[in-house]
C-alpha atoms as a PDB file:
ATOM      1  CA  MET A   1       5.483  19.060 -28.820  1.00  0.00           C
ATOM      2  CA  LEU A   2       4.433  20.632 -25.531  1.00  0.00           C
ATOM      3  CA  GLN A   3       2.003  22.933 -27.328  1.00  0.00           C
ATOM      4  CA  VAL A   4       0.475  20.012 -29.225  1.00  0.00           C
ATOM      5  CA  TRP A   5      -0.024  18.025 -26.012  1.00  0.00           C
ATOM      6  CA  THR A   6      -1.729  21.011 -24.403  1.00  0.00           C
ATOM      7  CA  GLU A   7      -3.978  21.524 -27.419  1.00  0.00           C
ATOM      8  CA  THR A   8      -5.275  17.954 -27.092  1.00  0.00           C
ATOM      9  CA  LEU A   9      -7.065  19.024 -23.907  1.00  0.00           C
ATOM     10  CA  ARG A  10      -9.487  21.100 -25.984  1.00  0.00           C
ATOM     11  CA  ASN A  11      -9.331  19.453 -29.393  1.00  0.00           C
ATOM     12  CA  GLU A  12     -10.721  15.904 -29.392  1.00  0.00           C
ATOM     13  CA  ASP A  13      -9.795  15.324 -33.063  1.00  0.00           C
ATOM     14  CA  LEU A  14      -6.165  16.119 -32.341  1.00  0.00           C
ATOM     15  CA  ALA A  15      -6.276  13.975 -29.190  1.00  0.00           C
ATOM     16  CA  ALA A  16      -7.626  11.028 -31.219  1.00  0.00           C
ATOM     17  CA  LEU A  17      -4.905  11.522 -33.840  1.00  0.00           C
ATOM     18  CA  LEU A  18      -2.202  11.518 -31.179  1.00  0.00           C
ATOM     19  CA  ARG A  19      -3.666   8.406 -29.531  1.00  0.00           C
ATOM     20  CA  ARG A  20      -3.498   6.561 -32.864  1.00  0.00           C
ATOM     21  CA  GLY A  21       0.051   7.751 -33.402  1.00  0.00           C
ATOM     22  CA  TYR A  22       1.019   6.672 -29.913  1.00  0.00           C
ATOM     23  CA  GLU A  23      -0.448   3.214 -30.508  1.00  0.00           C
ATOM     24  CA  GLU A  24       1.613   2.872 -33.701  1.00  0.00           C
ATOM     25  CA  ILE A  25       4.809   4.065 -32.048  1.00  0.00           C
ATOM     26  CA  SER A  26       4.181   1.879 -29.027  1.00  0.00           C
ATOM     27  CA  GLY A  27       3.743  -1.137 -31.301  1.00  0.00           C
ATOM     28  CA  ALA A  28       7.030  -0.365 -33.049  1.00  0.00           C
ATOM     29  CA  TRP A  29       8.836  -0.046 -29.714  1.00  0.00           C
ATOM     30  CA  MET A  30       7.323  -3.334 -28.500  1.00  0.00           C
ATOM     31  CA  GLY A  31       8.665  -4.958 -31.670  1.00  0.00           C
ATOM     32  CA  LEU A  32      12.091  -3.522 -30.865  1.00  0.00           C
ATOM     33  CA  VAL A  33      11.859  -4.929 -27.333  1.00  0.00           C
ATOM     34  CA  GLU A  34      11.039  -8.371 -28.748  1.00  0.00           C
ATOM     35  CA  THR A  35      14.013  -8.107 -31.124  1.00  0.00           C
ATOM     36  CA  TYR A  36      16.294  -7.368 -28.172  1.00  0.00           C
ATOM     37  CA  ARG A  37      14.793 -10.311 -26.289  1.00  0.00           C
ATOM     38  CA  GLU A  38      15.450 -12.657 -29.201  1.00  0.00           C
ATOM     39  CA  ALA A  39      19.045 -11.426 -29.233  1.00  0.00           C
ATOM     40  CA  GLY A  40      19.339 -12.266 -25.526  1.00  0.00           C
ATOM     41  CA  MET A  41      19.710  -8.623 -24.490  1.00  0.00           C
ATOM     42  CA  LEU A  42      16.479  -8.316 -22.468  1.00  0.00           C
ATOM     43  CA  PRO A  43      14.873 -10.783 -20.075  1.00  0.00           C
ATOM     44  CA  ALA A  44      11.397 -12.183 -20.712  1.00  0.00           C
ATOM     45  CA  GLY A  45      10.056 -11.459 -17.227  1.00  0.00           C
ATOM     46  CA  VAL A  46       8.631  -7.995 -17.962  1.00  0.00           C
ATOM     47  CA  PRO A  47       5.868  -7.484 -20.557  1.00  0.00           C
ATOM     48  CA  ALA A  48       7.100  -5.817 -23.750  1.00  0.00           C
ATOM     49  CA  GLU A  49       4.383  -3.179 -23.399  1.00  0.00           C
ATOM     50  CA  HIS A  50       5.730  -2.124 -19.999  1.00  0.00           C
ATOM     51  CA  ILE A  51       9.259  -1.755 -21.334  1.00  0.00           C
ATOM     52  CA  ALA A  52       8.062   0.119 -24.438  1.00  0.00           C
ATOM     53  CA  ARG A  53       5.967   2.538 -22.369  1.00  0.00           C
ATOM     54  CA  THR A  54       8.937   3.197 -20.095  1.00  0.00           C
ATOM     55  CA  LEU A  55      11.239   3.855 -23.058  1.00  0.00           C
ATOM     56  CA  ILE A  56       8.688   6.224 -24.586  1.00  0.00           C
ATOM     57  CA  ALA A  57       8.239   8.013 -21.248  1.00  0.00           C
ATOM     58  CA  ALA A  58      12.002   8.453 -20.935  1.00  0.00           C
ATOM     59  CA  ALA A  59      12.250   9.803 -24.491  1.00  0.00           C
ATOM     60  CA  GLN A  60       9.322  12.187 -23.994  1.00  0.00           C
ATOM     61  CA  GLY A  61      10.699  13.345 -20.664  1.00  0.00           C
ATOM     62  CA  TYR A  62      14.083  13.993 -22.242  1.00  0.00           C
ATOM     63  CA  ILE A  63      12.456  15.978 -25.069  1.00  0.00           C
ATOM     64  CA  THR A  64      10.379  17.956 -22.559  1.00  0.00           C
ATOM     65  CA  GLN A  65      13.429  18.811 -20.457  1.00  0.00           C
ATOM     66  CA  GLN A  66      15.332  19.783 -23.592  1.00  0.00           C
ATOM     67  CA  ALA A  67      12.482  22.112 -24.647  1.00  0.00           C
ATOM     68  CA  LEU A  68      12.116  23.690 -21.217  1.00  0.00           C
ATOM     69  CA  PHE A  69      15.712  23.908 -20.062  1.00  0.00           C
ATOM     70  CA  GLY A  70      17.849  23.279 -23.172  1.00  0.00           C
ATOM     71  CA  GLY A  71      21.358  21.965 -23.370  1.00  0.00           C
ATOM     72  CA  ILE A  72      20.799  18.588 -21.725  1.00  0.00           C
ATOM     73  CA  ASP A  73      23.566  16.156 -22.572  1.00  0.00           C
ATOM     74  CA  PRO A  74      22.205  12.769 -23.733  1.00  0.00           C
ATOM     75  CA  GLY A  75      24.927  11.199 -21.580  1.00  0.00           C
ATOM     76  CA  THR A  76      23.126  12.518 -18.509  1.00  0.00           C
ATOM     77  CA  LEU A  77      20.043  10.456 -19.372  1.00  0.00           C
ATOM     78  CA  ARG A  78      22.196   7.423 -20.212  1.00  0.00           C
ATOM     79  CA  ASP A  79      24.090   7.622 -16.931  1.00  0.00           C
ATOM     80  CA  GLY A  80      20.912   8.197 -14.918  1.00  0.00           C
ATOM     81  CA  LEU A  81      19.175   5.220 -16.491  1.00  0.00           C
ATOM     82  CA  ARG A  82      22.249   3.060 -15.952  1.00  0.00           C
ATOM     83  CA  GLY A  83      22.304   4.069 -12.283  1.00  0.00           C
ATOM     84  CA  LEU A  84      18.606   3.307 -11.836  1.00  0.00           C
ATOM     85  CA  MET A  85      18.903  -0.063 -13.556  1.00  0.00           C
ATOM     86  CA  SER A  86      21.719  -1.079 -11.232  1.00  0.00           C
ATOM     87  CA  MET A  87      19.581  -0.503  -8.128  1.00  0.00           C
ATOM     88  CA  GLY A  88      19.376  -3.317  -5.664  1.00  0.00           C
ATOM     89  CA  PRO A  89      19.493  -3.910  -1.950  1.00  0.00           C
ATOM     90  CA  LEU A  90      22.364  -2.132  -0.292  1.00  0.00           C
ATOM     91  CA  PRO A  91      24.705  -4.189   1.847  1.00  0.00           C
ATOM     92  CA  ASP A  92      24.048  -3.980   5.565  1.00  0.00           C
ATOM     93  CA  ARG A  93      26.594  -1.479   6.849  1.00  0.00           C
ATOM     94  CA  ARG A  94      25.777  -1.699  10.535  1.00  0.00           C
ATOM     95  CA  PRO A  95      28.740  -2.452  12.776  1.00  0.00           C
ATOM     96  CA  GLY A  96      29.069  -6.171  13.324  1.00  0.00           C
ATOM     97  CA  ALA A  97      26.651  -7.073  10.543  1.00  0.00           C
END
């Protein structure tokens, strides 16, 4: 996958093919997001395209790390995403606050 991405920098035909493929995959992921919304599992406040692009980025990043470093436990990605999604303001921990 990394070699194909690099090749797109010098091969416009391959780049166009990958763009079309990305558009198809992105559309499928947006459909999945809408399915989760209809099931009440995702809120409506964020555009489906934004969520789909983020999911694709996470998947591609995971694949890239796996190719470069190997042996990455999928649970690591799951736990990291869960931690990021739980972010919010921290309680004020100053004395007397």
